[in-house]
């Protein structure tokens, strides 16, 4: 190739890279309801979302640990987020889902009341976790603002940290 063609290709690649480069970092999350509150987790930490399946109770664990379930040969602990967040239990219905999350070889399933939607937040639209929350037990990444909604974004590593 001659030098002029190389220069044109280099300029075109540079322009393409500029278009792909985000002007502000963004965070993709999947929203869900627990009680009357909307929460979200990073989309990349979700292994899959399934309808409730049969699970086996495990003795000697906290009340919010419902038990374990078998997902294609992998035994996964199941956490009821209503109970973990101090809300009263509620019957499962057609909207109830298990969100299976995976990070650093930790896999857990979380029972949520219903899914809402996936949301893309600009970092400038996410406020930090409230200062009233103790740092050691903080599972909140921040509070996202989208239109007239406020969505609490949870830390994956905080949710997956086992305390049982």
N, C-alpha and C. Protein backbone atom coordinates (compact mmCIF):
# COMPACT_ATOMS: atom_id res chain seq x y z
N UNK A 1 0.84 -1.18 0.00
CA UNK A 1 0.00 0.00 0.00
C UNK A 1 0.88 1.24 0.00
N UNK A 2 0.41 2.20 -0.71
CA UNK A 2 1.19 3.43 -0.67
C UNK A 2 0.85 4.25 0.57
N UNK A 3 1.63 5.25 0.85
CA UNK A 3 1.51 6.03 2.07
C UNK A 3 0.19 6.81 2.15
N UNK A 4 -0.33 7.27 1.01
CA UNK A 4 -1.58 8.02 1.01
C UNK A 4 -2.74 7.13 1.44
N UNK A 5 -2.80 5.92 0.95
CA UNK A 5 -3.88 5.00 1.31
C UNK A 5 -3.79 4.65 2.80
N UNK A 6 -2.58 4.41 3.27
CA UNK A 6 -2.40 4.11 4.69
C UNK A 6 -2.88 5.27 5.56
N UNK A 7 -2.59 6.48 5.15
CA UNK A 7 -2.99 7.66 5.91
C UNK A 7 -4.51 7.81 5.92
N UNK A 8 -5.18 7.59 4.77
CA UNK A 8 -6.64 7.66 4.69
C UNK A 8 -7.26 6.61 5.59
N UNK A 9 -6.75 5.37 5.55
CA UNK A 9 -7.28 4.30 6.40
C UNK A 9 -7.10 4.63 7.88
N UNK A 10 -5.97 5.21 8.21
CA UNK A 10 -5.69 5.59 9.60
C UNK A 10 -6.67 6.67 10.07
N UNK A 11 -6.95 7.65 9.21
CA UNK A 11 -7.90 8.71 9.56
C UNK A 11 -9.31 8.14 9.73
N UNK A 12 -9.70 7.22 8.84
CA UNK A 12 -11.03 6.62 8.94
C UNK A 12 -11.16 5.81 10.23
N UNK A 13 -10.13 5.05 10.57
CA UNK A 13 -10.15 4.27 11.80
C UNK A 13 -10.23 5.18 13.02
N UNK A 14 -9.51 6.29 12.98
CA UNK A 14 -9.52 7.24 14.07
C UNK A 14 -10.92 7.83 14.27
N UNK A 15 -11.60 8.17 13.17
CA UNK A 15 -12.97 8.69 13.26
C UNK A 15 -13.92 7.64 13.78
N UNK A 16 -13.76 6.39 13.34
CA UNK A 16 -14.61 5.30 13.83
C UNK A 16 -14.41 5.08 15.32
N UNK A 17 -13.16 5.15 15.78
CA UNK A 17 -12.87 4.98 17.20
C UNK A 17 -13.50 6.10 18.02
N UNK A 18 -13.51 7.32 17.51
CA UNK A 18 -14.11 8.45 18.21
C UNK A 18 -15.61 8.24 18.38
N UNK A 19 -16.26 7.70 17.34
CA UNK A 19 -17.70 7.45 17.42
C UNK A 19 -18.02 6.38 18.44
N UNK A 20 -17.14 5.37 18.57
CA UNK A 20 -17.38 4.28 19.51
C UNK A 20 -17.04 4.65 20.95
N UNK A 21 -16.15 5.60 21.13
CA UNK A 21 -15.72 5.98 22.47
C UNK A 21 -16.85 6.70 23.20
N UNK A 22 -17.25 6.19 24.37
CA UNK A 22 -18.32 6.86 25.10
C UNK A 22 -17.84 8.19 25.66
N UNK A 23 -18.72 9.16 25.66
CA UNK A 23 -18.36 10.46 26.22
C UNK A 23 -18.44 10.43 27.73
N UNK A 24 -19.27 9.55 28.27
CA UNK A 24 -19.39 9.38 29.71
C UNK A 24 -19.63 7.91 29.97
N UNK A 25 -19.01 7.35 31.01
CA UNK A 25 -19.19 5.93 31.26
C UNK A 25 -20.63 5.66 31.67
N UNK A 26 -21.09 4.49 31.28
CA UNK A 26 -22.46 4.08 31.54
C UNK A 26 -22.46 2.75 32.27
N UNK A 27 -23.55 2.46 32.92
CA UNK A 27 -23.73 1.21 33.66
C UNK A 27 -25.05 0.59 33.22
N UNK A 28 -24.98 -0.64 32.70
CA UNK A 28 -26.19 -1.39 32.30
C UNK A 28 -26.61 -2.26 33.47
N UNK A 29 -27.88 -2.15 33.85
CA UNK A 29 -28.42 -2.91 34.97
C UNK A 29 -29.75 -3.55 34.58
N UNK A 30 -30.12 -4.57 35.35
CA UNK A 30 -31.44 -5.19 35.19
C UNK A 30 -32.23 -4.88 36.45
N UNK A 31 -33.41 -4.31 36.27
CA UNK A 31 -34.24 -3.90 37.39
C UNK A 31 -35.21 -4.98 37.82
N UNK A 32 -35.55 -4.96 39.12
CA UNK A 32 -36.52 -5.90 39.67
C UNK A 32 -37.16 -5.30 40.91
N UNK A 33 -38.30 -5.82 41.26
CA UNK A 33 -39.03 -5.33 42.43
C UNK A 33 -38.89 -6.32 43.58
N UNK A 34 -38.70 -5.76 44.77
CA UNK A 34 -38.77 -6.51 46.02
C UNK A 34 -39.68 -5.68 46.91
N UNK A 35 -40.86 -6.19 47.13
CA UNK A 35 -41.87 -5.38 47.82
C UNK A 35 -42.28 -4.24 46.91
N UNK A 36 -42.28 -3.04 47.43
CA UNK A 36 -42.66 -1.86 46.67
C UNK A 36 -41.46 -1.09 46.12
N UNK A 37 -40.26 -1.59 46.38
CA UNK A 37 -39.04 -0.89 45.98
C UNK A 37 -38.42 -1.53 44.74
N UNK A 38 -37.83 -0.68 43.89
CA UNK A 38 -37.15 -1.17 42.70
C UNK A 38 -35.64 -1.17 42.94
N UNK A 39 -35.04 -2.31 42.63
CA UNK A 39 -33.61 -2.50 42.76
C UNK A 39 -33.06 -2.89 41.40
N UNK A 40 -31.74 -2.92 41.29
CA UNK A 40 -31.11 -3.35 40.05
C UNK A 40 -29.73 -3.93 40.37
N UNK A 41 -29.27 -4.79 39.47
CA UNK A 41 -27.92 -5.34 39.54
C UNK A 41 -27.27 -5.22 38.17
N UNK A 42 -25.94 -5.17 38.13
CA UNK A 42 -25.26 -5.07 36.84
C UNK A 42 -25.61 -6.26 35.94
N UNK A 43 -25.90 -5.96 34.69
CA UNK A 43 -26.34 -7.00 33.77
C UNK A 43 -25.26 -8.06 33.55
N UNK A 44 -24.00 -7.67 33.61
CA UNK A 44 -22.92 -8.63 33.36
C UNK A 44 -22.73 -9.63 34.49
N UNK A 45 -23.31 -9.37 35.66
CA UNK A 45 -23.20 -10.31 36.77
C UNK A 45 -24.31 -11.36 36.76
N UNK A 46 -25.28 -11.21 35.85
CA UNK A 46 -26.39 -12.14 35.79
C UNK A 46 -26.05 -13.31 34.87
N UNK A 47 -26.14 -14.50 35.44
CA UNK A 47 -25.90 -15.71 34.65
C UNK A 47 -27.16 -16.04 33.86
N UNK A 48 -28.30 -16.01 34.54
CA UNK A 48 -29.59 -16.19 33.88
C UNK A 48 -30.73 -15.84 34.81
N UNK A 49 -31.91 -15.71 34.21
CA UNK A 49 -33.13 -15.42 34.95
C UNK A 49 -34.12 -16.51 34.58
N UNK A 50 -34.67 -17.17 35.61
CA UNK A 50 -35.57 -18.30 35.35
C UNK A 50 -36.84 -18.17 36.18
N UNK A 51 -37.87 -18.90 35.74
CA UNK A 51 -39.08 -19.02 36.54
C UNK A 51 -38.76 -19.94 37.71
N UNK A 52 -39.47 -19.77 38.82
CA UNK A 52 -39.19 -20.61 39.99
C UNK A 52 -39.28 -22.10 39.68
N UNK A 53 -38.34 -22.83 40.24
CA UNK A 53 -38.32 -24.29 40.13
C UNK A 53 -38.26 -24.87 41.53
N UNK A 54 -38.37 -26.18 41.62
CA UNK A 54 -38.36 -26.85 42.91
C UNK A 54 -37.01 -26.65 43.60
N UNK A 55 -37.06 -26.43 44.91
CA UNK A 55 -35.84 -26.29 45.69
C UNK A 55 -35.93 -27.17 46.92
N UNK A 56 -34.78 -27.44 47.53
CA UNK A 56 -34.69 -28.27 48.73
C UNK A 56 -34.29 -27.41 49.90
N UNK A 57 -35.04 -27.50 50.98
CA UNK A 57 -34.71 -26.72 52.17
C UNK A 57 -33.45 -27.28 52.82
N UNK A 58 -32.70 -26.39 53.46
CA UNK A 58 -31.46 -26.78 54.14
C UNK A 58 -31.59 -26.34 55.59
N UNK A 59 -31.41 -27.27 56.54
CA UNK A 59 -31.53 -26.89 57.96
C UNK A 59 -30.32 -26.10 58.43
N UNK A 60 -30.54 -25.28 59.46
CA UNK A 60 -29.46 -24.57 60.12
C UNK A 60 -28.94 -23.35 59.38
N UNK A 61 -29.72 -22.79 58.48
CA UNK A 61 -29.32 -21.59 57.76
C UNK A 61 -30.27 -20.45 58.15
N UNK A 62 -29.88 -19.19 57.92
CA UNK A 62 -30.79 -18.08 58.24
C UNK A 62 -32.13 -18.21 57.48
N UNK A 63 -33.15 -17.57 58.01
CA UNK A 63 -34.49 -17.68 57.44
C UNK A 63 -34.56 -17.22 55.99
N UNK A 64 -33.72 -16.25 55.60
CA UNK A 64 -33.78 -15.76 54.23
C UNK A 64 -33.18 -16.73 53.21
N UNK A 65 -32.47 -17.76 53.67
CA UNK A 65 -31.95 -18.79 52.77
C UNK A 65 -33.04 -19.84 52.61
N UNK A 66 -33.66 -19.86 51.46
CA UNK A 66 -34.78 -20.76 51.23
C UNK A 66 -34.32 -22.21 51.10
N UNK A 67 -33.11 -22.40 50.60
CA UNK A 67 -32.58 -23.74 50.38
C UNK A 67 -31.66 -23.73 49.19
N UNK A 68 -31.63 -24.85 48.46
CA UNK A 68 -30.80 -24.97 47.26
C UNK A 68 -31.64 -25.54 46.13
N UNK A 69 -31.23 -25.22 44.91
CA UNK A 69 -31.89 -25.81 43.74
C UNK A 69 -30.83 -26.27 42.76
N UNK A 70 -31.24 -27.19 41.90
CA UNK A 70 -30.33 -27.79 40.93
C UNK A 70 -30.59 -27.16 39.57
N UNK A 71 -29.58 -26.49 39.04
CA UNK A 71 -29.69 -25.86 37.73
C UNK A 71 -28.68 -26.53 36.81
N UNK A 72 -29.17 -27.45 36.00
CA UNK A 72 -28.34 -28.20 35.05
C UNK A 72 -27.08 -28.78 35.69
N UNK A 73 -27.28 -29.44 36.84
CA UNK A 73 -26.17 -30.12 37.50
C UNK A 73 -25.41 -29.29 38.51
N UNK A 74 -25.71 -28.01 38.64
CA UNK A 74 -25.05 -27.15 39.63
C UNK A 74 -26.03 -26.87 40.76
N UNK A 75 -25.62 -27.16 41.98
CA UNK A 75 -26.46 -26.88 43.14
C UNK A 75 -26.20 -25.44 43.58
N UNK A 76 -27.28 -24.66 43.62
CA UNK A 76 -27.17 -23.22 43.86
C UNK A 76 -28.01 -22.83 45.08
N UNK A 77 -27.43 -22.10 46.04
CA UNK A 77 -28.23 -21.59 47.17
C UNK A 77 -29.26 -20.57 46.67
N UNK A 78 -30.42 -20.58 47.30
CA UNK A 78 -31.51 -19.68 46.92
C UNK A 78 -31.82 -18.73 48.07
N UNK A 79 -31.69 -17.42 47.80
CA UNK A 79 -31.90 -16.38 48.81
C UNK A 79 -33.20 -15.64 48.49
N UNK A 80 -34.07 -15.51 49.49
CA UNK A 80 -35.29 -14.73 49.35
C UNK A 80 -34.96 -13.29 49.72
N UNK A 81 -34.92 -12.40 48.71
CA UNK A 81 -34.55 -11.01 48.98
C UNK A 81 -35.57 -10.28 49.85
N UNK A 82 -36.83 -10.70 49.80
CA UNK A 82 -37.83 -10.07 50.69
C UNK A 82 -37.41 -10.27 52.14
N UNK A 83 -37.07 -11.50 52.49
CA UNK A 83 -36.68 -11.79 53.87
C UNK A 83 -35.32 -11.17 54.21
N UNK A 84 -34.39 -11.20 53.29
CA UNK A 84 -33.06 -10.61 53.52
C UNK A 84 -33.17 -9.11 53.79
N UNK A 85 -34.12 -8.45 53.11
CA UNK A 85 -34.30 -7.01 53.29
C UNK A 85 -35.28 -6.68 54.41
N UNK A 86 -35.72 -7.68 55.19
CA UNK A 86 -36.57 -7.43 56.34
C UNK A 86 -38.04 -7.25 56.02
N UNK A 87 -38.48 -7.71 54.85
CA UNK A 87 -39.89 -7.62 54.48
C UNK A 87 -40.59 -8.95 54.80
N UNK A 88 -41.90 -8.91 54.99
CA UNK A 88 -42.61 -10.16 55.26
C UNK A 88 -42.65 -11.05 54.01
N UNK A 89 -42.70 -12.36 54.22
CA UNK A 89 -42.77 -13.26 53.06
C UNK A 89 -44.08 -13.08 52.30
N UNK A 90 -44.06 -13.43 51.05
CA UNK A 90 -45.24 -13.32 50.20
C UNK A 90 -45.30 -14.54 49.29
N UNK A 91 -46.50 -14.95 48.93
CA UNK A 91 -46.65 -16.10 48.03
C UNK A 91 -46.06 -15.80 46.67
N UNK A 92 -45.44 -16.81 46.09
CA UNK A 92 -44.94 -16.65 44.73
C UNK A 92 -46.11 -16.61 43.76
N UNK A 93 -45.94 -15.87 42.66
CA UNK A 93 -46.98 -15.80 41.65
C UNK A 93 -46.34 -15.91 40.27
N UNK A 94 -47.09 -15.62 39.23
CA UNK A 94 -46.57 -15.77 37.86
C UNK A 94 -45.46 -14.78 37.52
N UNK A 95 -45.31 -13.71 38.32
CA UNK A 95 -44.25 -12.73 38.07
C UNK A 95 -42.95 -13.05 38.81
N UNK A 96 -43.00 -13.94 39.79
CA UNK A 96 -41.83 -14.27 40.60
C UNK A 96 -40.74 -14.88 39.72
N UNK A 97 -39.48 -14.49 39.99
CA UNK A 97 -38.35 -15.01 39.21
C UNK A 97 -37.17 -15.30 40.13
N UNK A 98 -36.30 -16.19 39.65
CA UNK A 98 -35.00 -16.41 40.27
C UNK A 98 -33.98 -15.70 39.38
N UNK A 99 -33.16 -14.85 39.97
CA UNK A 99 -32.04 -14.25 39.25
C UNK A 99 -30.79 -14.98 39.72
N UNK A 100 -30.15 -15.69 38.81
CA UNK A 100 -28.94 -16.43 39.14
C UNK A 100 -27.76 -15.52 38.79
N UNK A 101 -26.96 -15.22 39.82
CA UNK A 101 -25.83 -14.30 39.64
C UNK A 101 -24.53 -15.05 39.86
N UNK A 102 -23.51 -14.58 39.15
CA UNK A 102 -22.21 -15.23 39.18
C UNK A 102 -21.12 -14.18 39.15
N UNK A 103 -20.20 -14.27 40.12
CA UNK A 103 -19.03 -13.40 40.10
C UNK A 103 -17.94 -14.06 40.93
N UNK A 104 -16.74 -14.09 40.37
CA UNK A 104 -15.59 -14.70 41.05
C UNK A 104 -15.89 -16.11 41.54
N UNK A 105 -16.48 -16.93 40.70
CA UNK A 105 -16.82 -18.33 41.01
C UNK A 105 -17.84 -18.48 42.12
N UNK A 106 -18.49 -17.42 42.52
CA UNK A 106 -19.60 -17.48 43.46
C UNK A 106 -20.90 -17.46 42.66
N UNK A 107 -21.78 -18.42 42.91
CA UNK A 107 -23.07 -18.46 42.22
C UNK A 107 -24.16 -18.57 43.27
N UNK A 108 -25.13 -17.66 43.19
CA UNK A 108 -26.29 -17.71 44.06
C UNK A 108 -27.53 -17.35 43.25
N UNK A 109 -28.67 -17.85 43.71
CA UNK A 109 -29.95 -17.49 43.12
C UNK A 109 -30.70 -16.59 44.08
N UNK A 110 -31.38 -15.61 43.54
CA UNK A 110 -32.14 -14.67 44.35
C UNK A 110 -33.59 -14.65 43.90
N UNK A 111 -34.49 -14.85 44.84
CA UNK A 111 -35.92 -14.79 44.56
C UNK A 111 -36.35 -13.33 44.59
N UNK A 112 -36.93 -12.84 43.49
CA UNK A 112 -37.43 -11.47 43.42
C UNK A 112 -38.91 -11.51 43.06
N UNK A 113 -39.63 -10.46 43.43
CA UNK A 113 -41.07 -10.43 43.19
C UNK A 113 -41.41 -10.34 41.71
N UNK A 114 -40.69 -9.49 40.98
CA UNK A 114 -40.90 -9.40 39.54
C UNK A 114 -39.78 -8.60 38.90
N UNK A 115 -39.57 -8.83 37.62
CA UNK A 115 -38.59 -8.06 36.87
C UNK A 115 -39.23 -6.77 36.38
N UNK A 116 -38.42 -5.75 36.17
CA UNK A 116 -38.94 -4.53 35.56
C UNK A 116 -38.36 -4.39 34.16
N UNK A 117 -37.15 -3.88 34.05
CA UNK A 117 -36.54 -3.71 32.74
C UNK A 117 -35.04 -3.55 32.86
N UNK A 118 -34.35 -3.65 31.74
CA UNK A 118 -32.93 -3.31 31.75
C UNK A 118 -32.83 -1.81 31.52
N UNK A 119 -31.88 -1.19 32.21
CA UNK A 119 -31.73 0.26 32.18
C UNK A 119 -30.26 0.61 31.99
N UNK A 120 -30.01 1.63 31.21
CA UNK A 120 -28.66 2.14 31.01
C UNK A 120 -28.58 3.48 31.73
N UNK A 121 -27.70 3.53 32.74
CA UNK A 121 -27.50 4.76 33.51
C UNK A 121 -26.18 5.39 33.13
N UNK A 122 -26.17 6.69 32.96
CA UNK A 122 -24.90 7.42 32.91
C UNK A 122 -24.43 7.53 34.35
N UNK A 123 -23.14 7.44 34.55
CA UNK A 123 -22.59 7.51 35.91
C UNK A 123 -23.02 8.80 36.62
N UNK A 124 -23.22 9.88 35.86
CA UNK A 124 -23.63 11.15 36.47
C UNK A 124 -25.06 11.08 37.01
N UNK A 125 -25.84 10.08 36.60
CA UNK A 125 -27.20 9.92 37.10
C UNK A 125 -27.28 8.91 38.24
N UNK A 126 -26.12 8.52 38.78
CA UNK A 126 -26.09 7.59 39.91
C UNK A 126 -25.45 8.32 41.09
N UNK A 127 -26.23 8.48 42.15
CA UNK A 127 -25.72 9.08 43.38
C UNK A 127 -25.09 7.98 44.23
N UNK A 128 -24.09 8.31 45.06
CA UNK A 128 -23.47 7.29 45.92
C UNK A 128 -24.45 6.77 46.96
N UNK A 129 -24.10 5.64 47.56
CA UNK A 129 -24.92 5.06 48.62
C UNK A 129 -25.07 6.06 49.76
N UNK A 130 -26.23 6.08 50.41
CA UNK A 130 -26.41 7.01 51.53
C UNK A 130 -25.36 6.80 52.61
N UNK A 131 -24.92 7.89 53.24
CA UNK A 131 -23.88 7.82 54.27
C UNK A 131 -24.36 7.12 55.54
N UNK A 132 -25.66 6.97 55.71
CA UNK A 132 -26.19 6.34 56.92
C UNK A 132 -25.96 4.83 56.94
N UNK A 133 -25.56 4.26 55.80
CA UNK A 133 -25.33 2.82 55.73
C UNK A 133 -23.91 2.53 56.18
N UNK A 134 -23.76 1.54 57.05
CA UNK A 134 -22.43 1.18 57.54
C UNK A 134 -21.63 0.56 56.40
N UNK A 135 -20.38 0.94 56.28
CA UNK A 135 -19.53 0.50 55.18
C UNK A 135 -19.38 -1.01 55.13
N UNK A 136 -19.25 -1.68 56.27
CA UNK A 136 -19.01 -3.12 56.30
C UNK A 136 -20.14 -3.94 55.73
N UNK A 137 -21.36 -3.47 55.89
CA UNK A 137 -22.50 -4.24 55.42
C UNK A 137 -23.21 -3.58 54.24
N UNK A 138 -22.55 -2.65 53.61
CA UNK A 138 -23.15 -1.91 52.51
C UNK A 138 -23.21 -2.78 51.25
N UNK A 139 -24.40 -3.06 50.77
CA UNK A 139 -24.56 -3.79 49.51
C UNK A 139 -25.07 -2.85 48.41
N UNK A 140 -25.12 -1.56 48.71
CA UNK A 140 -25.65 -0.60 47.75
C UNK A 140 -24.51 0.09 47.02
N UNK A 141 -24.53 -0.01 45.69
CA UNK A 141 -23.56 0.69 44.85
C UNK A 141 -23.92 2.17 44.76
N UNK A 142 -25.21 2.42 44.52
CA UNK A 142 -25.67 3.80 44.40
C UNK A 142 -27.15 3.85 44.11
N UNK A 143 -27.64 5.05 43.92
CA UNK A 143 -29.07 5.27 43.65
C UNK A 143 -29.18 5.93 42.28
N UNK A 144 -29.79 5.20 41.35
CA UNK A 144 -29.93 5.71 39.99
C UNK A 144 -31.22 6.48 39.80
N UNK A 145 -31.14 7.54 38.99
CA UNK A 145 -32.33 8.35 38.69
C UNK A 145 -32.64 8.19 37.21
N UNK A 146 -33.85 7.74 36.92
CA UNK A 146 -34.29 7.54 35.54
C UNK A 146 -35.70 8.09 35.42
N UNK A 147 -35.84 9.16 34.67
CA UNK A 147 -37.13 9.85 34.54
C UNK A 147 -37.64 10.19 35.94
N UNK A 148 -38.80 9.67 36.33
CA UNK A 148 -39.35 9.97 37.65
C UNK A 148 -39.13 8.82 38.64
N UNK A 149 -38.28 7.85 38.28
CA UNK A 149 -38.03 6.68 39.12
C UNK A 149 -36.68 6.79 39.82
N UNK A 150 -36.63 6.20 40.99
CA UNK A 150 -35.38 6.05 41.73
C UNK A 150 -35.15 4.55 41.90
N UNK A 151 -33.97 4.08 41.46
CA UNK A 151 -33.66 2.66 41.48
C UNK A 151 -32.39 2.46 42.30
N UNK A 152 -32.47 1.61 43.31
CA UNK A 152 -31.31 1.31 44.13
C UNK A 152 -30.48 0.25 43.41
N UNK A 153 -29.24 0.60 43.09
CA UNK A 153 -28.35 -0.32 42.39
C UNK A 153 -27.50 -1.04 43.43
N UNK A 154 -27.58 -2.37 43.40
CA UNK A 154 -26.89 -3.18 44.39
C UNK A 154 -25.53 -3.64 43.90
N UNK A 155 -24.61 -3.84 44.84
CA UNK A 155 -23.28 -4.37 44.51
C UNK A 155 -23.38 -5.89 44.40
N UNK A 156 -22.89 -6.42 43.31
CA UNK A 156 -22.93 -7.87 43.11
C UNK A 156 -22.14 -8.58 44.21
N UNK A 157 -20.93 -8.10 44.48
CA UNK A 157 -20.09 -8.77 45.48
C UNK A 157 -20.73 -8.73 46.86
N UNK A 158 -21.48 -7.68 47.17
CA UNK A 158 -22.17 -7.59 48.44
C UNK A 158 -23.30 -8.60 48.55
N UNK A 159 -24.04 -8.77 47.47
CA UNK A 159 -25.12 -9.76 47.46
C UNK A 159 -24.59 -11.19 47.54
N UNK A 160 -23.48 -11.44 46.87
CA UNK A 160 -22.94 -12.79 46.81
C UNK A 160 -22.13 -13.18 48.04
N UNK A 161 -21.83 -12.22 48.90
CA UNK A 161 -21.06 -12.50 50.10
C UNK A 161 -21.91 -13.37 51.02
N UNK A 162 -21.41 -14.56 51.31
CA UNK A 162 -22.18 -15.50 52.12
C UNK A 162 -22.00 -15.22 53.59
N UNK A 163 -23.12 -15.16 54.28
CA UNK A 163 -23.08 -14.98 55.73
C UNK A 163 -23.81 -16.14 56.41
N UNK A 164 -23.82 -17.28 55.74
CA UNK A 164 -24.47 -18.46 56.31
C UNK A 164 -23.60 -19.67 56.16
